[in-house]
N, C-alpha and C. Protein backbone atom coordinates (compact mmCIF):
# COMPACT_ATOMS: atom_id res chain seq x y z
N MET A 1 104.70 62.52 131.97
CA MET A 1 103.70 63.06 132.87
C MET A 1 102.90 64.11 132.13
N LYS A 2 101.61 64.00 132.13
CA LYS A 2 100.75 65.00 131.51
C LYS A 2 100.09 65.82 132.60
N ALA A 3 100.16 67.14 132.46
CA ALA A 3 99.62 68.03 133.48
C ALA A 3 98.46 68.82 132.92
N ASN A 4 97.46 68.14 132.39
CA ASN A 4 96.33 68.85 131.81
C ASN A 4 95.02 68.53 132.52
N VAL A 5 95.09 68.17 133.80
CA VAL A 5 93.91 67.84 134.57
C VAL A 5 93.05 69.08 134.78
N LYS A 6 93.61 70.08 135.41
CA LYS A 6 92.96 71.36 135.61
C LYS A 6 94.02 72.43 135.38
N THR A 7 93.58 73.59 134.98
CA THR A 7 94.53 74.65 134.66
C THR A 7 95.40 75.02 135.85
N GLU A 8 94.82 75.18 137.04
CA GLU A 8 95.61 75.56 138.21
C GLU A 8 96.57 74.45 138.62
N THR A 9 96.13 73.22 138.53
CA THR A 9 97.01 72.09 138.83
C THR A 9 98.16 72.05 137.84
N ALA A 10 97.84 72.25 136.58
CA ALA A 10 98.87 72.26 135.54
C ALA A 10 99.84 73.40 135.76
N LEU A 11 99.32 74.55 136.11
CA LEU A 11 100.16 75.72 136.35
C LEU A 11 101.16 75.45 137.48
N ASN A 12 100.69 74.89 138.56
CA ASN A 12 101.58 74.56 139.68
C ASN A 12 102.59 73.49 139.30
N THR A 13 102.13 72.48 138.59
CA THR A 13 103.03 71.40 138.19
C THR A 13 104.13 71.91 137.27
N ILE A 14 103.75 72.67 136.25
CA ILE A 14 104.74 73.14 135.28
C ILE A 14 105.68 74.16 135.91
N SER A 15 105.16 75.04 136.75
CA SER A 15 106.06 76.01 137.39
C SER A 15 107.04 75.30 138.32
N ASN A 16 106.60 74.27 139.02
CA ASN A 16 107.51 73.50 139.87
C ASN A 16 108.59 72.81 139.04
N VAL A 17 108.19 72.23 137.92
CA VAL A 17 109.15 71.55 137.05
C VAL A 17 110.19 72.55 136.54
N LEU A 18 109.73 73.72 136.10
CA LEU A 18 110.66 74.74 135.60
C LEU A 18 111.59 75.25 136.70
N ASN A 19 111.03 75.50 137.87
CA ASN A 19 111.82 76.06 138.97
C ASN A 19 112.82 75.06 139.56
N GLU A 20 112.51 73.78 139.48
CA GLU A 20 113.39 72.76 140.05
C GLU A 20 114.39 72.20 139.05
N ALA A 21 114.22 72.53 137.78
CA ALA A 21 115.07 71.95 136.74
C ALA A 21 116.48 72.52 136.79
N GLU A 22 117.42 71.63 136.62
CA GLU A 22 118.80 72.06 136.48
C GLU A 22 119.08 72.42 135.02
N PHE A 23 118.51 71.65 134.11
CA PHE A 23 118.66 71.89 132.67
C PHE A 23 117.29 71.88 132.00
N LEU A 24 117.07 72.86 131.14
CA LEU A 24 115.84 72.94 130.35
C LEU A 24 116.21 72.59 128.92
N PHE A 25 115.76 71.43 128.46
CA PHE A 25 116.10 70.95 127.13
C PHE A 25 115.09 71.37 126.07
N GLY A 26 113.84 71.49 126.46
CA GLY A 26 112.80 71.87 125.51
C GLY A 26 111.70 72.64 126.18
N PHE A 27 111.27 73.72 125.53
CA PHE A 27 110.20 74.56 126.07
C PHE A 27 109.54 75.21 124.87
N ASP A 28 108.44 74.61 124.38
CA ASP A 28 107.87 75.11 123.14
C ASP A 28 106.36 74.93 123.07
N LEU A 29 105.78 75.66 122.13
CA LEU A 29 104.36 75.56 121.82
C LEU A 29 104.19 74.82 120.51
N VAL A 30 103.17 73.99 120.47
CA VAL A 30 102.78 73.33 119.22
C VAL A 30 101.35 73.76 118.95
N LYS A 31 101.17 74.51 117.86
CA LYS A 31 99.83 74.98 117.51
C LYS A 31 99.25 74.05 116.45
N LEU A 32 98.18 73.38 116.84
CA LEU A 32 97.46 72.47 115.95
C LEU A 32 96.12 73.11 115.61
N SER A 33 95.42 72.55 114.67
CA SER A 33 94.15 73.14 114.25
C SER A 33 93.09 73.18 115.35
N ASN A 34 93.13 72.22 116.26
CA ASN A 34 92.09 72.15 117.29
C ASN A 34 92.59 72.37 118.72
N ARG A 35 93.89 72.65 118.89
CA ARG A 35 94.42 72.86 120.24
C ARG A 35 95.84 73.41 120.17
N THR A 36 96.30 73.88 121.32
CA THR A 36 97.68 74.33 121.47
C THR A 36 98.29 73.53 122.61
N GLU A 37 99.51 73.06 122.40
CA GLU A 37 100.21 72.28 123.42
C GLU A 37 101.45 73.03 123.88
N LEU A 38 101.64 73.06 125.20
CA LEU A 38 102.86 73.58 125.78
C LEU A 38 103.66 72.38 126.24
N ASN A 39 104.86 72.23 125.71
CA ASN A 39 105.71 71.09 126.04
C ASN A 39 106.95 71.57 126.79
N VAL A 40 107.24 70.91 127.90
CA VAL A 40 108.41 71.24 128.71
C VAL A 40 109.21 69.97 128.93
N LEU A 41 110.50 70.04 128.59
CA LEU A 41 111.39 68.90 128.78
C LEU A 41 112.60 69.37 129.58
N THR A 42 112.79 68.78 130.75
CA THR A 42 113.94 69.12 131.59
C THR A 42 114.79 67.88 131.81
N ASP A 43 115.84 68.05 132.57
CA ASP A 43 116.71 66.92 132.88
C ASP A 43 116.00 65.87 133.73
N GLU A 44 114.94 66.25 134.41
CA GLU A 44 114.23 65.34 135.31
C GLU A 44 112.87 64.88 134.79
N LYS A 45 112.13 65.80 134.14
CA LYS A 45 110.74 65.50 133.80
C LYS A 45 110.36 66.03 132.43
N GLU A 46 109.26 65.50 131.94
CA GLU A 46 108.64 66.00 130.72
C GLU A 46 107.17 66.22 131.02
N VAL A 47 106.68 67.44 130.78
CA VAL A 47 105.28 67.76 131.05
C VAL A 47 104.66 68.44 129.84
N GLU A 48 103.35 68.34 129.78
CA GLU A 48 102.61 68.91 128.65
C GLU A 48 101.31 69.51 129.18
N PHE A 49 100.96 70.68 128.66
CA PHE A 49 99.67 71.30 128.96
C PHE A 49 98.97 71.50 127.63
N VAL A 50 97.77 70.96 127.52
CA VAL A 50 96.99 71.05 126.29
C VAL A 50 95.81 71.97 126.53
N CYS A 51 95.60 72.88 125.57
CA CYS A 51 94.53 73.86 125.71
C CYS A 51 93.84 74.05 124.37
N VAL A 52 92.52 74.10 124.38
CA VAL A 52 91.75 74.29 123.16
C VAL A 52 91.61 75.78 122.85
N ASN A 53 91.49 76.59 123.87
CA ASN A 53 91.23 78.02 123.71
C ASN A 53 92.55 78.81 123.80
N PRO A 54 92.94 79.52 122.74
CA PRO A 54 94.20 80.28 122.77
C PRO A 54 94.25 81.35 123.86
N SER A 55 93.12 81.95 124.21
CA SER A 55 93.14 82.97 125.26
C SER A 55 93.42 82.35 126.63
N VAL A 56 92.98 81.12 126.84
CA VAL A 56 93.29 80.42 128.08
C VAL A 56 94.79 80.11 128.14
N MET A 57 95.38 79.74 127.01
CA MET A 57 96.81 79.48 126.97
C MET A 57 97.58 80.77 127.25
N LYS A 58 97.12 81.88 126.70
CA LYS A 58 97.78 83.17 126.94
C LYS A 58 97.75 83.50 128.43
N ASP A 59 96.60 83.35 129.07
CA ASP A 59 96.48 83.60 130.50
C ASP A 59 97.38 82.66 131.29
N PHE A 60 97.41 81.40 130.87
CA PHE A 60 98.25 80.39 131.52
C PHE A 60 99.71 80.82 131.48
N LEU A 61 100.19 81.24 130.31
CA LEU A 61 101.59 81.64 130.15
C LEU A 61 101.90 82.89 130.97
N ASN A 62 100.97 83.83 131.03
CA ASN A 62 101.19 85.03 131.84
C ASN A 62 101.29 84.69 133.32
N LYS A 63 100.48 83.79 133.79
CA LYS A 63 100.57 83.35 135.19
C LYS A 63 101.85 82.56 135.43
N LEU A 64 102.23 81.75 134.46
CA LEU A 64 103.46 80.97 134.58
C LEU A 64 104.68 81.89 134.65
N LYS A 65 104.64 82.99 133.94
CA LYS A 65 105.73 83.96 133.95
C LYS A 65 105.97 84.50 135.36
N VAL A 66 104.89 84.71 136.10
CA VAL A 66 105.00 85.21 137.47
C VAL A 66 105.55 84.13 138.40
N LEU A 67 105.11 82.91 138.20
CA LEU A 67 105.52 81.80 139.08
C LEU A 67 106.91 81.25 138.75
N SER A 68 107.42 81.54 137.56
CA SER A 68 108.74 81.03 137.13
C SER A 68 109.59 82.19 136.61
N PRO A 69 109.99 83.09 137.50
CA PRO A 69 110.70 84.30 137.06
C PRO A 69 112.02 84.04 136.36
N ASN A 70 112.66 82.91 136.61
CA ASN A 70 113.92 82.59 135.93
C ASN A 70 113.72 82.27 134.46
N HIS A 71 112.49 82.05 134.05
CA HIS A 71 112.19 81.70 132.66
C HIS A 71 111.30 82.74 131.99
N LYS A 72 111.31 83.95 132.54
CA LYS A 72 110.45 85.03 132.04
C LYS A 72 110.68 85.30 130.55
N ASP A 73 111.95 85.37 130.12
CA ASP A 73 112.25 85.64 128.72
C ASP A 73 111.76 84.52 127.81
N ASP A 74 111.93 83.28 128.25
CA ASP A 74 111.46 82.13 127.47
C ASP A 74 109.94 82.18 127.30
N ILE A 75 109.26 82.53 128.37
CA ILE A 75 107.79 82.59 128.33
C ILE A 75 107.33 83.74 127.45
N GLU A 76 108.05 84.86 127.49
CA GLU A 76 107.73 85.99 126.61
C GLU A 76 107.81 85.57 125.14
N GLU A 77 108.82 84.78 124.80
CA GLU A 77 108.95 84.27 123.43
C GLU A 77 107.76 83.41 123.04
N LEU A 78 107.30 82.58 123.97
CA LEU A 78 106.13 81.74 123.69
C LEU A 78 104.87 82.58 123.51
N LEU A 79 104.75 83.65 124.30
CA LEU A 79 103.59 84.54 124.14
C LEU A 79 103.60 85.22 122.78
N LEU A 80 104.78 85.62 122.33
CA LEU A 80 104.88 86.22 120.99
C LEU A 80 104.54 85.20 119.91
N GLU A 81 105.00 83.98 120.10
CA GLU A 81 104.68 82.91 119.13
C GLU A 81 103.18 82.63 119.11
N LEU A 82 102.56 82.64 120.27
CA LEU A 82 101.12 82.39 120.37
C LEU A 82 100.33 83.49 119.67
N ALA A 83 100.81 84.71 119.75
CA ALA A 83 100.12 85.84 119.13
C ALA A 83 100.23 85.86 117.61
N SER A 84 101.24 85.19 117.08
CA SER A 84 101.44 85.22 115.62
C SER A 84 100.61 84.19 114.90
C-alpha cells in the first residue's frame, strides 16, 4: 500500500498503521538524490510516504510524532537522520 496521495491522507494512514500495529518490523528513511522515502513495515501492513522536499518530510514527521505518541522516540531518530 502506498500512502503518497496527499500529505494529510498519508499522515492519517501512516499514523493509523503505527497505532494499530502489534509489531513494528521496519521504520526507516531512505534518502535518495531526488526524494526521501519513509517506509513502515508492521505485522499487518507496509506503507510508504515519498517526499521531494526535505522540509515537508520534517513537518510530516513532527505531525506524525503527535499522532503516534507510542513511537515518539522512533520518530525523533528519523528526524535526527533527516537533519544529517
